[in-house]
Structures are given as structure tokens and as C-alpha cells.
């Protein structure tokens, strides 16, 4: 029984937020770095509304993560937490 638990504990999972693999024993409160919000597009003609980025958005639109303002879609996440598996629901 203990051996089964040990095997389950060390099964690699994929985090649904950062897409990295992890094991339960390596998962702590700062293991996962991610953006908790969407990468959005704000049109200059409407400064108060936010839009999710779409392929046909004009090049003059400001694009950034709504959570932290990072303008690079590949920017390192602004929040850390534990990994969350697709299996966790």
C-alpha cells in the first residue's frame, strides 16, 4: 500500500497554467509562474474597453497582459503558486 502511494506521488503531471511537468514532491507555493489574466488588446479609439487579442486586430492596438501590463506574449508570468494538474479538475 505504501509503495503504491509513493508511485502515485512521483507521477509526473503537466500544469495547466504554465504547461511544465512536475511531481507532487516538487510542487510548492512558488513552483508555478503564470499570468492569471488574458493577453488582451486595447484599441486606441476606445481606451476604456478591453478586448481579447484576435488575429484581425489592427497593428495600432496596444497588446498586453491584463494582469500586469507586460507587452510581450512570452513574458514570464507575474504570479506564482502551486502547479495545478489537468487531473485536478
PDB file of N, CA and C in Angstrom:
ATOM      1  N   UNK A   1       0.821  -1.195   0.000  1.00  0.00           N
ATOM      2  CA  UNK A   1       0.000   0.000   0.000  1.00  0.00           C
ATOM      3  C   UNK A   1       0.865   1.260   0.000  1.00  0.00           C
ATOM      4  N   UNK A   2       1.886   1.321   0.849  1.00  0.00           N
ATOM      5  CA  UNK A   2       2.779   2.465   0.903  1.00  0.00           C
ATOM      6  C   UNK A   2       3.533   2.653  -0.397  1.00  0.00           C
ATOM      7  N   UNK A   3       3.889   1.532  -1.045  1.00  0.00           N
ATOM      8  CA  UNK A   3       4.600   1.601  -2.321  1.00  0.00           C
ATOM      9  C   UNK A   3       3.715   2.221  -3.397  1.00  0.00           C
ATOM     10  N   UNK A   4       2.440   1.886  -3.389  1.00  0.00           N
ATOM     11  CA  UNK A   4       1.506   2.452  -4.369  1.00  0.00           C
ATOM     12  C   UNK A   4       1.394   3.964  -4.186  1.00  0.00           C
ATOM     13  N   UNK A   5       1.295   4.413  -2.947  1.00  0.00           N
ATOM     14  CA  UNK A   5       1.229   5.850  -2.674  1.00  0.00           C
ATOM     15  C   UNK A   5       2.481   6.562  -3.162  1.00  0.00           C
ATOM     16  N   UNK A   6       3.638   5.943  -2.933  1.00  0.00           N
ATOM     17  CA  UNK A   6       4.900   6.546  -3.362  1.00  0.00           C
ATOM     18  C   UNK A   6       4.938   6.678  -4.881  1.00  0.00           C
ATOM     19  N   UNK A   7       4.453   5.667  -5.595  1.00  0.00           N
ATOM     20  CA  UNK A   7       4.433   5.718  -7.054  1.00  0.00           C
ATOM     21  C   UNK A   7       3.485   6.815  -7.534  1.00  0.00           C
ATOM     22  N   UNK A   8       2.312   6.932  -6.911  1.00  0.00           N
ATOM     23  CA  UNK A   8       1.360   7.972  -7.291  1.00  0.00           C
ATOM     24  C   UNK A   8       1.938   9.354  -7.022  1.00  0.00           C
ATOM     25  N   UNK A   9       2.622   9.483  -5.920  1.00  0.00           N
ATOM     26  CA  UNK A   9       3.184  10.761  -5.515  1.00  0.00           C
ATOM     27  C   UNK A   9       4.199  11.271  -6.539  1.00  0.00           C
ATOM     28  N   UNK A  10       4.977  10.375  -7.113  1.00  0.00           N
ATOM     29  CA  UNK A  10       6.031  10.789  -8.028  1.00  0.00           C
ATOM     30  C   UNK A  10       5.629  10.727  -9.507  1.00  0.00           C
ATOM     31  N   UNK A  11       4.381  10.504  -9.790  1.00  0.00           N
ATOM     32  CA  UNK A  11       3.912  10.535 -11.168  1.00  0.00           C
ATOM     33  C   UNK A  11       4.027  11.957 -11.693  1.00  0.00           C
ATOM     34  N   UNK A  12       4.625  12.087 -12.865  1.00  0.00           N
ATOM     35  CA  UNK A  12       4.735  13.425 -13.450  1.00  0.00           C
ATOM     36  C   UNK A  12       3.395  13.864 -14.005  1.00  0.00           C
ATOM     37  N   UNK A  13       3.079  15.106 -13.754  1.00  0.00           N
ATOM     38  CA  UNK A  13       1.855  15.711 -14.266  1.00  0.00           C
ATOM     39  C   UNK A  13       2.240  16.963 -15.042  1.00  0.00           C
ATOM     40  N   UNK A  14       1.321  17.464 -15.834  1.00  0.00           N
ATOM     41  CA  UNK A  14       1.524  18.708 -16.578  1.00  0.00           C
ATOM     42  C   UNK A  14       0.638  19.779 -15.955  1.00  0.00           C
ATOM     43  N   UNK A  15       1.234  20.921 -15.683  1.00  0.00           N
ATOM     44  CA  UNK A  15       0.490  22.029 -15.098  1.00  0.00           C
ATOM     45  C   UNK A  15      -0.337  22.718 -16.178  1.00  0.00           C
ATOM     46  N   UNK A  16      -1.608  22.932 -15.896  1.00  0.00           N
ATOM     47  CA  UNK A  16      -2.467  23.566 -16.898  1.00  0.00           C
ATOM     48  C   UNK A  16      -2.265  25.075 -16.983  1.00  0.00           C
ATOM     49  N   UNK A  17      -1.565  25.658 -16.027  1.00  0.00           N
ATOM     50  CA  UNK A  17      -1.314  27.101 -16.093  1.00  0.00           C
ATOM     51  C   UNK A  17      -0.002  27.423 -16.800  1.00  0.00           C
ATOM     52  N   UNK A  18       1.085  26.743 -16.415  1.00  0.00           N
ATOM     53  CA  UNK A  18       2.394  27.067 -17.000  1.00  0.00           C
ATOM     54  C   UNK A  18       2.877  26.023 -18.002  1.00  0.00           C
ATOM     55  N   UNK A  19       2.168  24.910 -18.104  1.00  0.00           N
ATOM     56  CA  UNK A  19       2.459  23.832 -19.066  1.00  0.00           C
ATOM     57  C   UNK A  19       3.758  23.081 -18.784  1.00  0.00           C
ATOM     58  N   UNK A  20       4.309  23.214 -17.589  1.00  0.00           N
ATOM     59  CA  UNK A  20       5.528  22.494 -17.227  1.00  0.00           C
ATOM     60  C   UNK A  20       5.167  21.202 -16.504  1.00  0.00           C
ATOM     61  N   UNK A  21       6.058  20.221 -16.602  1.00  0.00           N
ATOM     62  CA  UNK A  21       5.825  18.972 -15.879  1.00  0.00           C
ATOM     63  C   UNK A  21       6.336  19.118 -14.446  1.00  0.00           C
ATOM     64  N   UNK A  22       5.712  18.382 -13.547  1.00  0.00           N
ATOM     65  CA  UNK A  22       6.085  18.445 -12.137  1.00  0.00           C
ATOM     66  C   UNK A  22       5.656  17.165 -11.437  1.00  0.00           C
ATOM     67  N   UNK A  23       6.196  16.951 -10.262  1.00  0.00           N
ATOM     68  CA  UNK A  23       5.764  15.851  -9.402  1.00  0.00           C
ATOM     69  C   UNK A  23       5.208  16.459  -8.119  1.00  0.00           C
ATOM     70  N   UNK A  24       4.433  15.696  -7.419  1.00  0.00           N
ATOM     71  CA  UNK A  24       3.828  16.193  -6.179  1.00  0.00           C
ATOM     72  C   UNK A  24       4.895  16.618  -5.173  1.00  0.00           C
ATOM     73  N   UNK A  25       5.998  15.891  -5.126  1.00  0.00           N
ATOM     74  CA  UNK A  25       7.032  16.217  -4.141  1.00  0.00           C
ATOM     75  C   UNK A  25       7.786  17.507  -4.470  1.00  0.00           C
ATOM     76  N   UNK A  26       7.713  17.949  -5.717  1.00  0.00           N
ATOM     77  CA  UNK A  26       8.414  19.183  -6.095  1.00  0.00           C
ATOM     78  C   UNK A  26       7.467  20.377  -6.223  1.00  0.00           C
ATOM     79  N   UNK A  27       6.212  20.183  -5.887  1.00  0.00           N
ATOM     80  CA  UNK A  27       5.202  21.222  -6.067  1.00  0.00           C
ATOM     81  C   UNK A  27       5.035  22.037  -4.786  1.00  0.00           C
ATOM     82  N   UNK A  28       5.552  23.268  -4.804  1.00  0.00           N
ATOM     83  CA  UNK A  28       5.379  24.130  -3.635  1.00  0.00           C
ATOM     84  C   UNK A  28       4.727  25.449  -4.048  1.00  0.00           C
ATOM     85  N   UNK A  29       4.593  26.353  -3.129  1.00  0.00           N
ATOM     86  CA  UNK A  29       3.820  27.580  -3.361  1.00  0.00           C
ATOM     87  C   UNK A  29       4.422  28.531  -4.396  1.00  0.00           C
ATOM     88  N   UNK A  30       5.648  28.279  -4.823  1.00  0.00           N
ATOM     89  CA  UNK A  30       6.238  29.142  -5.849  1.00  0.00           C
ATOM     90  C   UNK A  30       6.702  28.351  -7.075  1.00  0.00           C
ATOM     91  N   UNK A  31       6.215  27.143  -7.227  1.00  0.00           N
ATOM     92  CA  UNK A  31       6.635  26.283  -8.342  1.00  0.00           C
ATOM     93  C   UNK A  31       6.124  26.754  -9.699  1.00  0.00           C
ATOM     94  N   UNK A  32       4.934  27.294  -9.728  1.00  0.00           N
ATOM     95  CA  UNK A  32       4.287  27.665 -10.985  1.00  0.00           C
ATOM     96  C   UNK A  32       4.308  29.182 -11.155  1.00  0.00           C
ATOM     97  N   UNK A  33       4.780  29.640 -12.295  1.00  0.00           N
ATOM     98  CA  UNK A  33       4.779  31.073 -12.612  1.00  0.00           C
ATOM     99  C   UNK A  33       3.891  31.257 -13.837  1.00  0.00           C
ATOM    100  N   UNK A  34       2.875  32.107 -13.720  1.00  0.00           N
ATOM    101  CA  UNK A  34       1.883  32.250 -14.782  1.00  0.00           C
ATOM    102  C   UNK A  34       1.225  33.625 -14.733  1.00  0.00           C
ATOM    103  N   UNK A  35       0.471  33.942 -15.762  1.00  0.00           N
ATOM    104  CA  UNK A  35      -0.349  35.160 -15.798  1.00  0.00           C
ATOM    105  C   UNK A  35      -1.785  34.754 -15.471  1.00  0.00           C
ATOM    106  N   UNK A  36      -2.387  35.339 -14.442  1.00  0.00           N
ATOM    107  CA  UNK A  36      -3.751  34.959 -14.079  1.00  0.00           C
ATOM    108  C   UNK A  36      -4.820  35.582 -14.978  1.00  0.00           C
ATOM    109  N   UNK A  37      -4.405  36.404 -15.921  1.00  0.00           N
ATOM    110  CA  UNK A  37      -5.361  37.067 -16.797  1.00  0.00           C
ATOM    111  C   UNK A  37      -4.979  36.840 -18.255  1.00  0.00           C
ATOM    112  N   UNK A  38      -5.802  37.328 -19.154  1.00  0.00           N
ATOM    113  CA  UNK A  38      -5.593  37.142 -20.589  1.00  0.00           C
ATOM    114  C   UNK A  38      -4.622  38.158 -21.174  1.00  0.00           C
ATOM    115  N   UNK A  39      -4.021  37.778 -22.295  1.00  0.00           N
ATOM    116  CA  UNK A  39      -3.275  38.717 -23.127  1.00  0.00           C
ATOM    117  C   UNK A  39      -4.340  39.424 -23.953  1.00  0.00           C
ATOM    118  N   UNK A  40      -4.460  40.727 -23.793  1.00  0.00           N
ATOM    119  CA  UNK A  40      -5.571  41.476 -24.377  1.00  0.00           C
ATOM    120  C   UNK A  40      -5.085  42.533 -25.354  1.00  0.00           C
ATOM    121  N   UNK A  41      -6.029  43.122 -26.016  1.00  0.00           N
ATOM    122  CA  UNK A  41      -5.758  44.190 -26.962  1.00  0.00           C
ATOM    123  C   UNK A  41      -6.666  45.364 -26.623  1.00  0.00           C
ATOM    124  N   UNK A  42      -6.072  46.532 -26.450  1.00  0.00           N
ATOM    125  CA  UNK A  42      -6.868  47.729 -26.174  1.00  0.00           C
ATOM    126  C   UNK A  42      -6.737  48.653 -27.375  1.00  0.00           C
ATOM    127  N   UNK A  43      -7.825  48.933 -28.010  1.00  0.00           N
ATOM    128  CA  UNK A  43      -7.806  49.809 -29.179  1.00  0.00           C
ATOM    129  C   UNK A  43      -7.619  51.257 -28.730  1.00  0.00           C
ATOM    130  N   UNK A  44      -6.848  52.003 -29.483  1.00  0.00           N
ATOM    131  CA  UNK A  44      -6.592  53.399 -29.134  1.00  0.00           C
ATOM    132  C   UNK A  44      -7.846  54.261 -29.229  1.00  0.00           C
ATOM    133  N   UNK A  45      -8.795  53.859 -30.060  1.00  0.00           N
ATOM    134  CA  UNK A  45     -10.012  54.655 -30.193  1.00  0.00           C
ATOM    135  C   UNK A  45     -11.012  54.382 -29.067  1.00  0.00           C
ATOM    136  N   UNK A  46     -10.691  53.470 -28.173  1.00  0.00           N
ATOM    137  CA  UNK A  46     -11.582  53.160 -27.058  1.00  0.00           C
ATOM    138  C   UNK A  46     -10.724  52.765 -25.862  1.00  0.00           C
ATOM    139  N   UNK A  47     -10.237  53.712 -25.122  1.00  0.00           N
ATOM    140  CA  UNK A  47      -9.289  53.463 -24.042  1.00  0.00           C
ATOM    141  C   UNK A  47      -9.898  52.735 -22.842  1.00  0.00           C
ATOM    142  N   UNK A  48     -11.201  52.676 -22.753  1.00  0.00           N
ATOM    143  CA  UNK A  48     -11.821  52.111 -21.559  1.00  0.00           C
ATOM    144  C   UNK A  48     -12.248  50.656 -21.705  1.00  0.00           C
ATOM    145  N   UNK A  49     -12.298  50.129 -22.920  1.00  0.00           N
ATOM    146  CA  UNK A  49     -12.717  48.740 -23.103  1.00  0.00           C
ATOM    147  C   UNK A  49     -11.522  47.871 -23.416  1.00  0.00           C
ATOM    148  N   UNK A  50     -11.579  46.640 -22.948  1.00  0.00           N
ATOM    149  CA  UNK A  50     -10.521  45.671 -23.206  1.00  0.00           C
ATOM    150  C   UNK A  50     -11.069  44.559 -24.083  1.00  0.00           C
ATOM    151  N   UNK A  51     -10.227  44.061 -24.948  1.00  0.00           N
ATOM    152  CA  UNK A  51     -10.620  43.021 -25.886  1.00  0.00           C
ATOM    153  C   UNK A  51      -9.600  41.902 -25.836  1.00  0.00           C
ATOM    154  N   UNK A  52     -10.059  40.687 -25.997  1.00  0.00           N
ATOM    155  CA  UNK A  52      -9.108  39.599 -26.166  1.00  0.00           C
ATOM    156  C   UNK A  52      -8.458  39.767 -27.529  1.00  0.00           C
ATOM    157  N   UNK A  53      -7.204  39.438 -27.611  1.00  0.00           N
ATOM    158  CA  UNK A  53      -6.447  39.587 -28.847  1.00  0.00           C
ATOM    159  C   UNK A  53      -6.997  38.665 -29.931  1.00  0.00           C
ATOM    160  N   UNK A  54      -7.271  39.217 -31.088  1.00  0.00           N
ATOM    161  CA  UNK A  54      -7.779  38.447 -32.225  1.00  0.00           C
ATOM    162  C   UNK A  54      -6.850  38.658 -33.418  1.00  0.00           C
ATOM    163  N   UNK A  55      -6.813  37.702 -34.340  1.00  0.00           N
ATOM    164  CA  UNK A  55      -5.890  37.809 -35.483  1.00  0.00           C
ATOM    165  C   UNK A  55      -6.097  39.058 -36.341  1.00  0.00           C
ATOM    166  N   UNK A  56      -7.312  39.578 -36.404  1.00  0.00           N
ATOM    167  CA  UNK A  56      -7.566  40.735 -37.272  1.00  0.00           C
ATOM    168  C   UNK A  56      -7.459  42.079 -36.549  1.00  0.00           C
ATOM    169  N   UNK A  57      -6.922  42.086 -35.326  1.00  0.00           N
ATOM    170  CA  UNK A  57      -6.749  43.353 -34.618  1.00  0.00           C
ATOM    171  C   UNK A  57      -5.741  44.232 -35.360  1.00  0.00           C
ATOM    172  N   UNK A  58      -5.998  45.529 -35.406  1.00  0.00           N
ATOM    173  CA  UNK A  58      -5.101  46.436 -36.131  1.00  0.00           C
ATOM    174  C   UNK A  58      -3.743  46.568 -35.438  1.00  0.00           C
ATOM    175  N   UNK A  59      -2.708  46.893 -36.196  1.00  0.00           N
ATOM    176  CA  UNK A  59      -1.365  46.990 -35.620  1.00  0.00           C
ATOM    177  C   UNK A  59      -1.207  48.142 -34.625  1.00  0.00           C
ATOM    178  N   UNK A  60      -2.116  49.109 -34.634  1.00  0.00           N
ATOM    179  CA  UNK A  60      -2.003  50.235 -33.708  1.00  0.00           C
ATOM    180  C   UNK A  60      -2.598  49.926 -32.336  1.00  0.00           C
ATOM    181  N   UNK A  61      -3.132  48.743 -32.174  1.00  0.00           N
ATOM    182  CA  UNK A  61      -3.726  48.377 -30.894  1.00  0.00           C
ATOM    183  C   UNK A  61      -2.624  48.065 -29.880  1.00  0.00           C
ATOM    184  N   UNK A  62      -2.835  48.458 -28.644  1.00  0.00           N
ATOM    185  CA  UNK A  62      -1.891  48.132 -27.569  1.00  0.00           C
ATOM    186  C   UNK A  62      -2.203  46.716 -27.091  1.00  0.00           C
ATOM    187  N   UNK A  63      -1.190  45.874 -27.022  1.00  0.00           N
ATOM    188  CA  UNK A  63      -1.377  44.479 -26.632  1.00  0.00           C
ATOM    189  C   UNK A  63      -0.568  44.211 -25.366  1.00  0.00           C
ATOM    190  N   UNK A  64      -1.209  43.575 -24.385  1.00  0.00           N
ATOM    191  CA  UNK A  64      -0.539  43.359 -23.106  1.00  0.00           C
ATOM    192  C   UNK A  64      -1.322  42.365 -22.258  1.00  0.00           C
ATOM    193  N   UNK A  65      -0.665  41.861 -21.204  1.00  0.00           N
ATOM    194  CA  UNK A  65      -1.365  41.038 -20.221  1.00  0.00           C
ATOM    195  C   UNK A  65      -2.168  41.967 -19.325  1.00  0.00           C
ATOM    196  N   UNK A  66      -3.438  41.666 -19.178  1.00  0.00           N
ATOM    197  CA  UNK A  66      -4.337  42.500 -18.387  1.00  0.00           C
ATOM    198  C   UNK A  66      -3.968  42.506 -16.904  1.00  0.00           C
ATOM    199  N   UNK A  67      -3.284  41.481 -16.446  1.00  0.00           N
ATOM    200  CA  UNK A  67      -2.948  41.372 -15.029  1.00  0.00           C
ATOM    201  C   UNK A  67      -1.762  42.247 -14.624  1.00  0.00           C
ATOM    202  N   UNK A  68      -0.780  42.398 -15.507  1.00  0.00           N
ATOM    203  CA  UNK A  68       0.447  43.083 -15.095  1.00  0.00           C
ATOM    204  C   UNK A  68       0.943  44.128 -16.090  1.00  0.00           C
ATOM    205  N   UNK A  69       0.361  44.158 -17.279  1.00  0.00           N
ATOM    206  CA  UNK A  69       0.768  45.140 -18.270  1.00  0.00           C
ATOM    207  C   UNK A  69       1.924  44.716 -19.160  1.00  0.00           C
ATOM    208  N   UNK A  70       2.471  43.518 -18.971  1.00  0.00           N
ATOM    209  CA  UNK A  70       3.579  43.053 -19.813  1.00  0.00           C
ATOM    210  C   UNK A  70       3.119  43.000 -21.269  1.00  0.00           C
ATOM    211  N   UNK A  71       3.924  43.562 -22.167  1.00  0.00           N
ATOM    212  CA  UNK A  71       3.542  43.653 -23.575  1.00  0.00           C
ATOM    213  C   UNK A  71       4.040  42.496 -24.429  1.00  0.00           C
ATOM    214  N   UNK A  72       4.907  41.677 -23.889  1.00  0.00           N
ATOM    215  CA  UNK A  72       5.435  40.529 -24.622  1.00  0.00           C
ATOM    216  C   UNK A  72       4.568  39.304 -24.328  1.00  0.00           C
ATOM    217  N   UNK A  73       3.983  38.674 -25.364  1.00  0.00           N
ATOM    218  CA  UNK A  73       3.143  37.499 -25.103  1.00  0.00           C
ATOM    219  C   UNK A  73       3.909  36.341 -24.462  1.00  0.00           C
ATOM    220  N   UNK A  74       5.234  36.360 -24.577  1.00  0.00           N
ATOM    221  CA  UNK A  74       6.064  35.317 -23.971  1.00  0.00           C
ATOM    222  C   UNK A  74       6.644  35.748 -22.619  1.00  0.00           C
ATOM    223  N   UNK A  75       6.169  36.845 -22.066  1.00  0.00           N
ATOM    224  CA  UNK A  75       6.692  37.366 -20.798  1.00  0.00           C
ATOM    225  C   UNK A  75       6.515  36.352 -19.675  1.00  0.00           C
ATOM    226  N   UNK A  76       7.505  36.310 -18.810  1.00  0.00           N
ATOM    227  CA  UNK A  76       7.454  35.452 -17.634  1.00  0.00           C
ATOM    228  C   UNK A  76       6.225  35.812 -16.808  1.00  0.00           C
ATOM    229  N   UNK A  77       5.537  34.824 -16.288  1.00  0.00           N
ATOM    230  CA  UNK A  77       4.328  35.060 -15.508  1.00  0.00           C
ATOM    231  C   UNK A  77       4.557  36.013 -14.347  1.00  0.00           C
ATOM    232  N   UNK A  78       3.517  36.703 -13.962  1.00  0.00           N
ATOM    233  CA  UNK A  78       3.623  37.702 -12.897  1.00  0.00           C
ATOM    234  C   UNK A  78       3.144  37.172 -11.545  1.00  0.00           C
ATOM    235  N   UNK A  79       2.667  35.944 -11.516  1.00  0.00           N
ATOM    236  CA  UNK A  79       2.128  35.357 -10.292  1.00  0.00           C
ATOM    237  C   UNK A  79       2.751  33.985 -10.076  1.00  0.00           C
ATOM    238  N   UNK A  80       3.009  33.641  -8.828  1.00  0.00           N
ATOM    239  CA  UNK A  80       3.488  32.293  -8.515  1.00  0.00           C
ATOM    240  C   UNK A  80       2.500  31.600  -7.590  1.00  0.00           C
ATOM    241  N   UNK A  81       2.439  30.292  -7.738  1.00  0.00           N
ATOM    242  CA  UNK A  81       1.550  29.474  -6.919  1.00  0.00           C
ATOM    243  C   UNK A  81       1.962  28.020  -7.093  1.00  0.00           C
ATOM    244  N   UNK A  82       1.171  27.121  -6.565  1.00  0.00           N
ATOM    245  CA  UNK A  82       1.414  25.697  -6.792  1.00  0.00           C
ATOM    246  C   UNK A  82       0.960  25.344  -8.206  1.00  0.00           C
ATOM    247  N   UNK A  83       1.550  24.297  -8.761  1.00  0.00           N
ATOM    248  CA  UNK A  83       1.093  23.794 -10.049  1.00  0.00           C
ATOM    249  C   UNK A  83      -0.309  23.213  -9.887  1.00  0.00           C
ATOM    250  N   UNK A  84      -1.088  23.273 -10.951  1.00  0.00           N
ATOM    251  CA  UNK A  84      -2.426  22.682 -10.967  1.00  0.00           C
ATOM    252  C   UNK A  84      -2.495  21.748 -12.165  1.00  0.00           C
ATOM    253  N   UNK A  85      -2.778  20.500 -11.912  1.00  0.00           N
ATOM    254  CA  UNK A  85      -2.825  19.496 -12.965  1.00  0.00           C
ATOM    255  C   UNK A  85      -4.163  19.509 -13.688  1.00  0.00           C
ATOM    256  N   UNK A  86      -4.141  19.069 -14.930  1.00  0.00           N
ATOM    257  CA  UNK A  86      -5.395  18.878 -15.665  1.00  0.00           C
ATOM    258  C   UNK A  86      -6.253  17.840 -14.950  1.00  0.00           C
ATOM    259  N   UNK A  87      -5.607  16.933 -14.232  1.00  0.00           N
ATOM    260  CA  UNK A  87      -6.324  15.886 -13.498  1.00  0.00           C
ATOM    261  C   UNK A  87      -7.018  16.418 -12.248  1.00  0.00           C
ATOM    262  N   UNK A  88      -6.601  17.589 -11.784  1.00  0.00           N
ATOM    263  CA  UNK A  88      -7.158  18.138 -10.546  1.00  0.00           C
ATOM    264  C   UNK A  88      -8.548  18.734 -10.722  1.00  0.00           C
ATOM    265  N   UNK A  89      -8.980  18.872 -11.946  1.00  0.00           N
ATOM    266  CA  UNK A  89     -10.333  19.350 -12.207  1.00  0.00           C
ATOM    267  C   UNK A  89     -10.518  20.795 -12.313  1.00  0.00           C
TER     268      UNK A  89
END
